């Protein structure tokens, strides 16, 4: 599902117009100024019970290798966004065991 399909599904499910659904999706997920990214930029977690948690993870500086030359290079510390699914989401997508 892409963004336009998500907007269409949200509009159908909530009886919003497509424009309202688009604004709602952008308010949540826009990387520049969305609610989730703004919270992550402040170092906060966004926890949606049953769905999952958006958080930042810091990686230490490390030594890597240039795959072309094999020469060692220094890779600086980074911070990236991550998502950890909640139990209810994991359970909803897990294939159900068939009875014997």
PDB file of N, CA and C in Angstrom:
ATOM      1  N   UNK A   1       0.853  -1.179   0.000  1.00  0.00           N
ATOM      2  CA  UNK A   1       0.000   0.000   0.000  1.00  0.00           C
ATOM      3  C   UNK A   1       0.896   1.237   0.000  1.00  0.00           C
ATOM      4  N   UNK A   2       0.614   2.149  -0.893  1.00  0.00           N
ATOM      5  CA  UNK A   2       1.374   3.393  -0.923  1.00  0.00           C
ATOM      6  C   UNK A   2       0.568   4.512  -0.235  1.00  0.00           C
ATOM      7  N   UNK A   3       1.142   5.714  -0.222  1.00  0.00           N
ATOM      8  CA  UNK A   3       0.510   6.818   0.501  1.00  0.00           C
ATOM      9  C   UNK A   3      -0.879   7.154  -0.038  1.00  0.00           C
ATOM     10  N   UNK A   4      -1.041   7.202  -1.357  1.00  0.00           N
ATOM     11  CA  UNK A   4      -2.358   7.565  -1.906  1.00  0.00           C
ATOM     12  C   UNK A   4      -3.401   6.489  -1.589  1.00  0.00           C
ATOM     13  N   UNK A   5      -3.003   5.224  -1.571  1.00  0.00           N
ATOM     14  CA  UNK A   5      -3.933   4.152  -1.195  1.00  0.00           C
ATOM     15  C   UNK A   5      -4.287   4.236   0.290  1.00  0.00           C
ATOM     16  N   UNK A   6      -3.301   4.610   1.110  1.00  0.00           N
ATOM     17  CA  UNK A   6      -3.561   4.797   2.540  1.00  0.00           C
ATOM     18  C   UNK A   6      -4.554   5.935   2.760  1.00  0.00           C
ATOM     19  N   UNK A   7      -4.363   7.029   2.037  1.00  0.00           N
ATOM     20  CA  UNK A   7      -5.286   8.164   2.139  1.00  0.00           C
ATOM     21  C   UNK A   7      -6.688   7.746   1.726  1.00  0.00           C
ATOM     22  N   UNK A   8      -6.800   7.016   0.626  1.00  0.00           N
ATOM     23  CA  UNK A   8      -8.114   6.567   0.147  1.00  0.00           C
ATOM     24  C   UNK A   8      -8.784   5.643   1.172  1.00  0.00           C
ATOM     25  N   UNK A   9      -8.032   4.700   1.734  1.00  0.00           N
ATOM     26  CA  UNK A   9      -8.588   3.790   2.739  1.00  0.00           C
ATOM     27  C   UNK A   9      -9.025   4.530   3.995  1.00  0.00           C
ATOM     28  N   UNK A  10      -8.226   5.508   4.433  1.00  0.00           N
ATOM     29  CA  UNK A  10      -8.594   6.300   5.612  1.00  0.00           C
ATOM     30  C   UNK A  10      -9.864   7.097   5.332  1.00  0.00           C
ATOM     31  N   UNK A  11      -9.952   7.689   4.158  1.00  0.00           N
ATOM     32  CA  UNK A  11     -11.147   8.458   3.799  1.00  0.00           C
ATOM     33  C   UNK A  11     -12.384   7.566   3.781  1.00  0.00           C
ATOM     34  N   UNK A  12     -12.272   6.378   3.208  1.00  0.00           N
ATOM     35  CA  UNK A  12     -13.409   5.465   3.152  1.00  0.00           C
ATOM     36  C   UNK A  12     -13.828   4.987   4.539  1.00  0.00           C
ATOM     37  N   UNK A  13     -12.848   4.671   5.378  1.00  0.00           N
ATOM     38  CA  UNK A  13     -13.149   4.098   6.689  1.00  0.00           C
ATOM     39  C   UNK A  13     -13.734   5.127   7.657  1.00  0.00           C
ATOM     40  N   UNK A  14     -13.315   6.393   7.533  1.00  0.00           N
ATOM     41  CA  UNK A  14     -13.738   7.418   8.488  1.00  0.00           C
ATOM     42  C   UNK A  14     -14.774   8.390   7.937  1.00  0.00           C
ATOM     43  N   UNK A  15     -15.150   8.221   6.663  1.00  0.00           N
ATOM     44  CA  UNK A  15     -16.094   9.129   5.991  1.00  0.00           C
ATOM     45  C   UNK A  15     -15.530  10.550   5.874  1.00  0.00           C
ATOM     46  N   UNK A  16     -14.184  10.658   5.873  1.00  0.00           N
ATOM     47  CA  UNK A  16     -13.526  11.946   5.623  1.00  0.00           C
ATOM     48  C   UNK A  16     -13.457  12.147   4.121  1.00  0.00           C
ATOM     49  N   UNK A  17     -13.217  13.399   3.730  1.00  0.00           N
ATOM     50  CA  UNK A  17     -12.895  13.630   2.327  1.00  0.00           C
ATOM     51  C   UNK A  17     -11.449  13.203   2.123  1.00  0.00           C
ATOM     52  N   UNK A  18     -11.060  13.022   0.866  1.00  0.00           N
ATOM     53  CA  UNK A  18      -9.675  12.651   0.588  1.00  0.00           C
ATOM     54  C   UNK A  18      -8.719  13.760   1.031  1.00  0.00           C
ATOM     55  N   UNK A  19      -9.129  15.010   0.919  1.00  0.00           N
ATOM     56  CA  UNK A  19      -8.291  16.135   1.332  1.00  0.00           C
ATOM     57  C   UNK A  19      -8.074  16.117   2.842  1.00  0.00           C
ATOM     58  N   UNK A  20      -9.138  15.843   3.596  1.00  0.00           N
ATOM     59  CA  UNK A  20      -9.004  15.765   5.064  1.00  0.00           C
ATOM     60  C   UNK A  20      -8.118  14.590   5.464  1.00  0.00           C
ATOM     61  N   UNK A  21      -8.299  13.458   4.803  1.00  0.00           N
ATOM     62  CA  UNK A  21      -7.485  12.282   5.101  1.00  0.00           C
ATOM     63  C   UNK A  21      -6.022  12.545   4.769  1.00  0.00           C
ATOM     64  N   UNK A  22      -5.769  13.236   3.680  1.00  0.00           N
ATOM     65  CA  UNK A  22      -4.397  13.573   3.292  1.00  0.00           C
ATOM     66  C   UNK A  22      -3.743  14.478   4.334  1.00  0.00           C
ATOM     67  N   UNK A  23      -4.483  15.465   4.822  1.00  0.00           N
ATOM     68  CA  UNK A  23      -3.947  16.348   5.863  1.00  0.00           C
ATOM     69  C   UNK A  23      -3.672  15.575   7.148  1.00  0.00           C
ATOM     70  N   UNK A  24      -4.532  14.617   7.489  1.00  0.00           N
ATOM     71  CA  UNK A  24      -4.334  13.811   8.699  1.00  0.00           C
ATOM     72  C   UNK A  24      -3.076  12.943   8.572  1.00  0.00           C
ATOM     73  N   UNK A  25      -2.903  12.307   7.419  1.00  0.00           N
ATOM     74  CA  UNK A  25      -1.719  11.473   7.189  1.00  0.00           C
ATOM     75  C   UNK A  25      -0.455  12.324   7.241  1.00  0.00           C
ATOM     76  N   UNK A  26      -0.481  13.484   6.581  1.00  0.00           N
ATOM     77  CA  UNK A  26       0.681  14.373   6.597  1.00  0.00           C
ATOM     78  C   UNK A  26       0.986  14.883   8.002  1.00  0.00           C
ATOM     79  N   UNK A  27      -0.050  15.181   8.786  1.00  0.00           N
ATOM     80  CA  UNK A  27       0.162  15.664  10.149  1.00  0.00           C
ATOM     81  C   UNK A  27       0.897  14.620  10.994  1.00  0.00           C
ATOM     82  N   UNK A  28       0.637  13.362  10.735  1.00  0.00           N
ATOM     83  CA  UNK A  28       1.303  12.292  11.483  1.00  0.00           C
ATOM     84  C   UNK A  28       2.674  11.936  10.926  1.00  0.00           C
ATOM     85  N   UNK A  29       2.751  11.710   9.621  1.00  0.00           N
ATOM     86  CA  UNK A  29       3.923  11.057   9.036  1.00  0.00           C
ATOM     87  C   UNK A  29       4.871  11.943   8.252  1.00  0.00           C
ATOM     88  N   UNK A  30       4.584  13.219   8.059  1.00  0.00           N
ATOM     89  CA  UNK A  30       5.464  14.070   7.275  1.00  0.00           C
ATOM     90  C   UNK A  30       6.855  14.111   7.902  1.00  0.00           C
ATOM     91  N   UNK A  31       7.908  13.770   7.146  1.00  0.00           N
ATOM     92  CA  UNK A  31       9.250  13.731   7.731  1.00  0.00           C
ATOM     93  C   UNK A  31       9.762  15.100   8.175  1.00  0.00           C
ATOM     94  N   UNK A  32       9.309  16.165   7.539  1.00  0.00           N
ATOM     95  CA  UNK A  32       9.806  17.496   7.880  1.00  0.00           C
ATOM     96  C   UNK A  32       9.170  18.051   9.155  1.00  0.00           C
ATOM     97  N   UNK A  33       7.842  17.937   9.267  1.00  0.00           N
ATOM     98  CA  UNK A  33       7.172  18.565  10.404  1.00  0.00           C
ATOM     99  C   UNK A  33       6.003  17.751  10.949  1.00  0.00           C
ATOM    100  N   UNK A  34       5.980  16.459  10.703  1.00  0.00           N
ATOM    101  CA  UNK A  34       4.921  15.609  11.216  1.00  0.00           C
ATOM    102  C   UNK A  34       5.048  15.390  12.718  1.00  0.00           C
ATOM    103  N   UNK A  35       3.981  14.979  13.341  1.00  0.00           N
ATOM    104  CA  UNK A  35       3.945  14.765  14.790  1.00  0.00           C
ATOM    105  C   UNK A  35       4.971  13.728  15.220  1.00  0.00           C
ATOM    106  N   UNK A  36       5.061  12.618  14.497  1.00  0.00           N
ATOM    107  CA  UNK A  36       5.988  11.554  14.886  1.00  0.00           C
ATOM    108  C   UNK A  36       7.428  12.018  14.747  1.00  0.00           C
ATOM    109  N   UNK A  37       7.792  12.596  13.607  1.00  0.00           N
ATOM    110  CA  UNK A  37       9.180  13.017  13.426  1.00  0.00           C
ATOM    111  C   UNK A  37       9.558  14.153  14.368  1.00  0.00           C
ATOM    112  N   UNK A  38       8.626  15.054  14.669  1.00  0.00           N
ATOM    113  CA  UNK A  38       8.917  16.138  15.604  1.00  0.00           C
ATOM    114  C   UNK A  38       9.221  15.583  16.993  1.00  0.00           C
ATOM    115  N   UNK A  39       8.482  14.581  17.423  1.00  0.00           N
ATOM    116  CA  UNK A  39       8.742  13.971  18.726  1.00  0.00           C
ATOM    117  C   UNK A  39      10.086  13.251  18.741  1.00  0.00           C
ATOM    118  N   UNK A  40      10.396  12.541  17.654  1.00  0.00           N
ATOM    119  CA  UNK A  40      11.679  11.838  17.571  1.00  0.00           C
ATOM    120  C   UNK A  40      12.844  12.814  17.579  1.00  0.00           C
ATOM    121  N   UNK A  41      12.690  13.959  16.912  1.00  0.00           N
ATOM    122  CA  UNK A  41      13.747  14.972  16.891  1.00  0.00           C
ATOM    123  C   UNK A  41      14.021  15.506  18.289  1.00  0.00           C
ATOM    124  N   UNK A  42      12.988  15.550  19.138  1.00  0.00           N
ATOM    125  CA  UNK A  42      13.148  16.012  20.521  1.00  0.00           C
ATOM    126  C   UNK A  42      13.680  14.906  21.432  1.00  0.00           C
ATOM    127  N   UNK A  43      13.876  13.703  20.875  1.00  0.00           N
ATOM    128  CA  UNK A  43      14.379  12.591  21.681  1.00  0.00           C
ATOM    129  C   UNK A  43      13.281  11.834  22.403  1.00  0.00           C
ATOM    130  N   UNK A  44      12.034  12.083  22.058  1.00  0.00           N
ATOM    131  CA  UNK A  44      10.912  11.410  22.707  1.00  0.00           C
ATOM    132  C   UNK A  44      10.528  10.147  21.940  1.00  0.00           C
ATOM    133  N   UNK A  45       9.906   9.207  22.650  1.00  0.00           N
ATOM    134  CA  UNK A  45       9.333   8.012  22.029  1.00  0.00           C
ATOM    135  C   UNK A  45       7.887   8.313  21.686  1.00  0.00           C
ATOM    136  N   UNK A  46       7.388   7.687  20.633  1.00  0.00           N
ATOM    137  CA  UNK A  46       5.964   7.755  20.297  1.00  0.00           C
ATOM    138  C   UNK A  46       5.446   6.333  20.429  1.00  0.00           C
ATOM    139  N   UNK A  47       4.661   6.112  21.467  1.00  0.00           N
ATOM    140  CA  UNK A  47       4.171   4.762  21.764  1.00  0.00           C
ATOM    141  C   UNK A  47       2.666   4.712  21.534  1.00  0.00           C
ATOM    142  N   UNK A  48       2.270   3.828  20.620  1.00  0.00           N
ATOM    143  CA  UNK A  48       0.854   3.643  20.313  1.00  0.00           C
ATOM    144  C   UNK A  48       0.504   2.238  20.795  1.00  0.00           C
ATOM    145  N   UNK A  49      -0.193   2.160  21.905  1.00  0.00           N
ATOM    146  CA  UNK A  49      -0.484   0.886  22.548  1.00  0.00           C
ATOM    147  C   UNK A  49      -1.119  -0.093  21.576  1.00  0.00           C
ATOM    148  N   UNK A  50      -0.550  -1.272  21.518  1.00  0.00           N
ATOM    149  CA  UNK A  50      -1.054  -2.319  20.645  1.00  0.00           C
ATOM    150  C   UNK A  50      -0.478  -2.261  19.243  1.00  0.00           C
ATOM    151  N   UNK A  51      -0.091  -1.071  18.789  1.00  0.00           N
ATOM    152  CA  UNK A  51       0.446  -0.927  17.435  1.00  0.00           C
ATOM    153  C   UNK A  51       1.966  -1.006  17.439  1.00  0.00           C
ATOM    154  N   UNK A  52       2.603  -0.147  18.235  1.00  0.00           N
ATOM    155  CA  UNK A  52       4.054  -0.189  18.294  1.00  0.00           C
ATOM    156  C   UNK A  52       4.651   1.101  18.807  1.00  0.00           C
ATOM    157  N   UNK A  53       5.988   1.151  18.767  1.00  0.00           N
ATOM    158  CA  UNK A  53       6.726   2.287  19.296  1.00  0.00           C
ATOM    159  C   UNK A  53       7.715   2.795  18.260  1.00  0.00           C
ATOM    160  N   UNK A  54       7.675   4.099  18.028  1.00  0.00           N
ATOM    161  CA  UNK A  54       8.674   4.776  17.205  1.00  0.00           C
ATOM    162  C   UNK A  54       9.680   5.380  18.182  1.00  0.00           C
ATOM    163  N   UNK A  55      10.968   5.166  17.923  1.00  0.00           N
ATOM    164  CA  UNK A  55      11.991   5.725  18.798  1.00  0.00           C
ATOM    165  C   UNK A  55      13.273   5.936  18.007  1.00  0.00           C
ATOM    166  N   UNK A  56      14.217   6.644  18.613  1.00  0.00           N
ATOM    167  CA  UNK A  56      15.514   6.829  17.970  1.00  0.00           C
ATOM    168  C   UNK A  56      16.514   5.879  18.614  1.00  0.00           C
ATOM    169  N   UNK A  57      17.474   5.469  17.805  1.00  0.00           N
ATOM    170  CA  UNK A  57      18.542   4.600  18.293  1.00  0.00           C
ATOM    171  C   UNK A  57      19.867   5.217  17.884  1.00  0.00           C
ATOM    172  N   UNK A  58      20.784   5.254  18.834  1.00  0.00           N
ATOM    173  CA  UNK A  58      22.109   5.800  18.575  1.00  0.00           C
ATOM    174  C   UNK A  58      23.073   4.658  18.289  1.00  0.00           C
ATOM    175  N   UNK A  59      23.905   4.851  17.302  1.00  0.00           N
ATOM    176  CA  UNK A  59      24.957   3.876  16.989  1.00  0.00           C
ATOM    177  C   UNK A  59      26.290   4.518  17.290  1.00  0.00           C
ATOM    178  N   UNK A  60      27.172   3.761  17.904  1.00  0.00           N
ATOM    179  CA  UNK A  60      28.511   4.235  18.237  1.00  0.00           C
ATOM    180  C   UNK A  60      29.336   4.409  16.959  1.00  0.00           C
ATOM    181  N   UNK A  61      30.389   5.202  17.067  1.00  0.00           N
ATOM    182  CA  UNK A  61      31.347   5.296  15.967  1.00  0.00           C
ATOM    183  C   UNK A  61      32.016   3.930  15.832  1.00  0.00           C
ATOM    184  N   UNK A  62      32.372   3.574  14.612  1.00  0.00           N
ATOM    185  CA  UNK A  62      32.965   2.263  14.408  1.00  0.00           C
ATOM    186  C   UNK A  62      33.904   2.301  13.204  1.00  0.00           C
ATOM    187  N   UNK A  63      34.634   1.233  13.046  1.00  0.00           N
ATOM    188  CA  UNK A  63      35.528   1.104  11.904  1.00  0.00           C
ATOM    189  C   UNK A  63      34.887   0.160  10.904  1.00  0.00           C
ATOM    190  N   UNK A  64      34.859   0.571   9.648  1.00  0.00           N
ATOM    191  CA  UNK A  64      34.301  -0.265   8.594  1.00  0.00           C
ATOM    192  C   UNK A  64      35.326  -0.463   7.496  1.00  0.00           C
ATOM    193  N   UNK A  65      34.914  -1.073   6.433  1.00  0.00           N
ATOM    194  CA  UNK A  65      35.813  -1.287   5.293  1.00  0.00           C
ATOM    195  C   UNK A  65      35.157  -0.759   4.023  1.00  0.00           C
ATOM    196  N   UNK A  66      35.962  -0.123   3.206  1.00  0.00           N
ATOM    197  CA  UNK A  66      35.514   0.296   1.893  1.00  0.00           C
ATOM    198  C   UNK A  66      35.434  -0.971   1.046  1.00  0.00           C
ATOM    199  N   UNK A  67      34.254  -1.342   0.553  1.00  0.00           N
ATOM    200  CA  UNK A  67      34.140  -2.605  -0.176  1.00  0.00           C
ATOM    201  C   UNK A  67      34.933  -2.619  -1.490  1.00  0.00           C
ATOM    202  N   UNK A  68      35.178  -1.471  -2.041  1.00  0.00           N
ATOM    203  CA  UNK A  68      35.902  -1.412  -3.307  1.00  0.00           C
ATOM    204  C   UNK A  68      37.408  -1.622  -3.112  1.00  0.00           C
ATOM    205  N   UNK A  69      37.971  -0.975  -2.083  1.00  0.00           N
ATOM    206  CA  UNK A  69      39.426  -1.039  -1.894  1.00  0.00           C
ATOM    207  C   UNK A  69      39.842  -1.957  -0.757  1.00  0.00           C
ATOM    208  N   UNK A  70      38.912  -2.257   0.153  1.00  0.00           N
ATOM    209  CA  UNK A  70      39.251  -3.073   1.308  1.00  0.00           C
ATOM    210  C   UNK A  70      39.921  -2.279   2.414  1.00  0.00           C
ATOM    211  N   UNK A  71      40.124  -0.991   2.184  1.00  0.00           N
ATOM    212  CA  UNK A  71      40.790  -0.130   3.163  1.00  0.00           C
ATOM    213  C   UNK A  71      39.844   0.187   4.324  1.00  0.00           C
ATOM    214  N   UNK A  72      40.391   0.234   5.537  1.00  0.00           N
ATOM    215  CA  UNK A  72      39.579   0.575   6.704  1.00  0.00           C
ATOM    216  C   UNK A  72      39.187   2.040   6.658  1.00  0.00           C
ATOM    217  N   UNK A  73      37.943   2.326   7.074  1.00  0.00           N
ATOM    218  CA  UNK A  73      37.464   3.697   7.162  1.00  0.00           C
ATOM    219  C   UNK A  73      36.776   3.886   8.506  1.00  0.00           C
ATOM    220  N   UNK A  74      36.757   5.120   8.969  1.00  0.00           N
ATOM    221  CA  UNK A  74      36.065   5.429  10.221  1.00  0.00           C
ATOM    222  C   UNK A  74      34.652   5.884   9.886  1.00  0.00           C
ATOM    223  N   UNK A  75      33.679   5.297  10.578  1.00  0.00           N
ATOM    224  CA  UNK A  75      32.277   5.660  10.410  1.00  0.00           C
ATOM    225  C   UNK A  75      31.855   6.360  11.695  1.00  0.00           C
ATOM    226  N   UNK A  76      31.355   7.565  11.570  1.00  0.00           N
ATOM    227  CA  UNK A  76      30.987   8.359  12.739  1.00  0.00           C
ATOM    228  C   UNK A  76      29.720   7.857  13.414  1.00  0.00           C
ATOM    229  N   UNK A  77      29.443   8.369  14.603  1.00  0.00           N
ATOM    230  CA  UNK A  77      28.212   7.974  15.304  1.00  0.00           C
ATOM    231  C   UNK A  77      26.983   8.504  14.562  1.00  0.00           C
ATOM    232  N   UNK A  78      25.910   7.746  14.603  1.00  0.00           N
ATOM    233  CA  UNK A  78      24.674   8.163  13.939  1.00  0.00           C
ATOM    234  C   UNK A  78      23.484   7.911  14.850  1.00  0.00           C
ATOM    235  N   UNK A  79      22.417   8.611  14.562  1.00  0.00           N
ATOM    236  CA  UNK A  79      21.143   8.387  15.233  1.00  0.00           C
ATOM    237  C   UNK A  79      20.117   8.138  14.138  1.00  0.00           C
ATOM    238  N   UNK A  80      19.320   7.084  14.301  1.00  0.00           N
ATOM    239  CA  UNK A  80      18.312   6.785  13.290  1.00  0.00           C
ATOM    240  C   UNK A  80      16.981   6.467  13.950  1.00  0.00           C
ATOM    241  N   UNK A  81      15.928   6.615  13.190  1.00  0.00           N
ATOM    242  CA  UNK A  81      14.586   6.289  13.671  1.00  0.00           C
ATOM    243  C   UNK A  81      14.364   4.791  13.530  1.00  0.00           C
ATOM    244  N   UNK A  82      13.638   4.223  14.480  1.00  0.00           N
ATOM    245  CA  UNK A  82      13.303   2.803  14.388  1.00  0.00           C
ATOM    246  C   UNK A  82      11.865   2.601  14.857  1.00  0.00           C
ATOM    247  N   UNK A  83      11.313   1.488  14.446  1.00  0.00           N
ATOM    248  CA  UNK A  83       9.953   1.128  14.830  1.00  0.00           C
ATOM    249  C   UNK A  83       9.981  -0.278  15.394  1.00  0.00           C
ATOM    250  N   UNK A  84       9.349  -0.446  16.537  1.00  0.00           N
ATOM    251  CA  UNK A  84       9.236  -1.764  17.156  1.00  0.00           C
ATOM    252  C   UNK A  84       7.749  -2.084  17.268  1.00  0.00           C
ATOM    253  N   UNK A  85       7.278  -3.110  16.555  1.00  0.00           N
ATOM    254  CA  UNK A  85       5.844  -3.418  16.575  1.00  0.00           C
ATOM    255  C   UNK A  85       5.394  -3.903  17.956  1.00  0.00           C
ATOM    256  N   UNK A  86       4.145  -3.573  18.298  1.00  0.00           N
ATOM    257  CA  UNK A  86       3.554  -4.019  19.545  1.00  0.00           C
ATOM    258  C   UNK A  86       3.013  -5.435  19.427  1.00  0.00           C
ATOM    259  N   UNK A  87       2.672  -6.013  20.563  1.00  0.00           N
ATOM    260  CA  UNK A  87       2.199  -7.404  20.596  1.00  0.00           C
ATOM    261  C   UNK A  87       0.944  -7.603  19.754  1.00  0.00           C
ATOM    262  N   UNK A  88      -0.015  -6.692  19.863  1.00  0.00           N
ATOM    263  CA  UNK A  88      -1.269  -6.844  19.114  1.00  0.00           C
ATOM    264  C   UNK A  88      -1.011  -6.822  17.605  1.00  0.00           C
ATOM    265  N   UNK A  89      -0.109  -5.953  17.144  1.00  0.00           N
ATOM    266  CA  UNK A  89       0.220  -5.901  15.714  1.00  0.00           C
ATOM    267  C   UNK A  89       0.932  -7.178  15.283  1.00  0.00           C
ATOM    268  N   UNK A  90       1.880  -7.633  16.088  1.00  0.00           N
ATOM    269  CA  UNK A  90       2.584  -8.886  15.765  1.00  0.00           C
ATOM    270  C   UNK A  90       1.602 -10.043  15.673  1.00  0.00           C
ATOM    271  N   UNK A  91       0.701 -10.121  16.649  1.00  0.00           N
ATOM    272  CA  UNK A  91      -0.271 -11.217  16.662  1.00  0.00           C
ATOM    273  C   UNK A  91      -1.236 -11.146  15.481  1.00  0.00           C
ATOM    274  N   UNK A  92      -1.575  -9.926  15.040  1.00  0.00           N
ATOM    275  CA  UNK A  92      -2.541  -9.790  13.949  1.00  0.00           C
ATOM    276  C   UNK A  92      -1.965 -10.212  12.601  1.00  0.00           C
ATOM    277  N   UNK A  93      -0.666 -10.123  12.430  1.00  0.00           N
ATOM    278  CA  UNK A  93      -0.069 -10.512  11.146  1.00  0.00           C
ATOM    279  C   UNK A  93       0.554 -11.896  11.178  1.00  0.00           C
ATOM    280  N   UNK A  94       0.609 -12.495  12.354  1.00  0.00           N
ATOM    281  CA  UNK A  94       1.172 -13.835  12.469  1.00  0.00           C
ATOM    282  C   UNK A  94       0.231 -14.843  11.831  1.00  0.00           C
ATOM    283  N   UNK A  95       0.747 -15.759  11.016  1.00  0.00           N
ATOM    284  CA  UNK A  95      -0.128 -16.772  10.434  1.00  0.00           C
ATOM    285  C   UNK A  95      -0.744 -17.640  11.540  1.00  0.00           C
ATOM    286  N   UNK A  96      -2.003 -17.906  11.399  1.00  0.00           N
ATOM    287  CA  UNK A  96      -2.704 -18.712  12.396  1.00  0.00           C
ATOM    288  C   UNK A  96      -2.394 -20.202  12.181  1.00  0.00           C
ATOM    289  N   UNK A  97      -2.142 -20.902  13.276  1.00  0.00           N
ATOM    290  CA  UNK A  97      -1.888 -22.340  13.182  1.00  0.00           C
ATOM    291  C   UNK A  97      -3.194 -23.054  12.863  1.00  0.00           C
ATOM    292  N   UNK A  98      -3.146 -23.987  11.953  1.00  0.00           N
ATOM    293  CA  UNK A  98      -4.352 -24.725  11.598  1.00  0.00           C
ATOM    294  C   UNK A  98      -4.530 -25.891  12.562  1.00  0.00           C
ATOM    295  N   UNK A  99      -5.765 -26.108  12.972  1.00  0.00           N
ATOM    296  CA  UNK A  99      -6.080 -27.212  13.894  1.00  0.00           C
ATOM    297  C   UNK A  99      -5.854 -28.558  13.237  1.00  0.00           C
ATOM    298  N   UNK A 100      -5.534 -29.533  14.043  1.00  0.00           N
ATOM    299  CA  UNK A 100      -5.288 -30.872  13.500  1.00  0.00           C
ATOM    300  C   UNK A 100      -6.446 -31.761  13.754  1.00  0.00           C
TER     301      UNK A 100
END
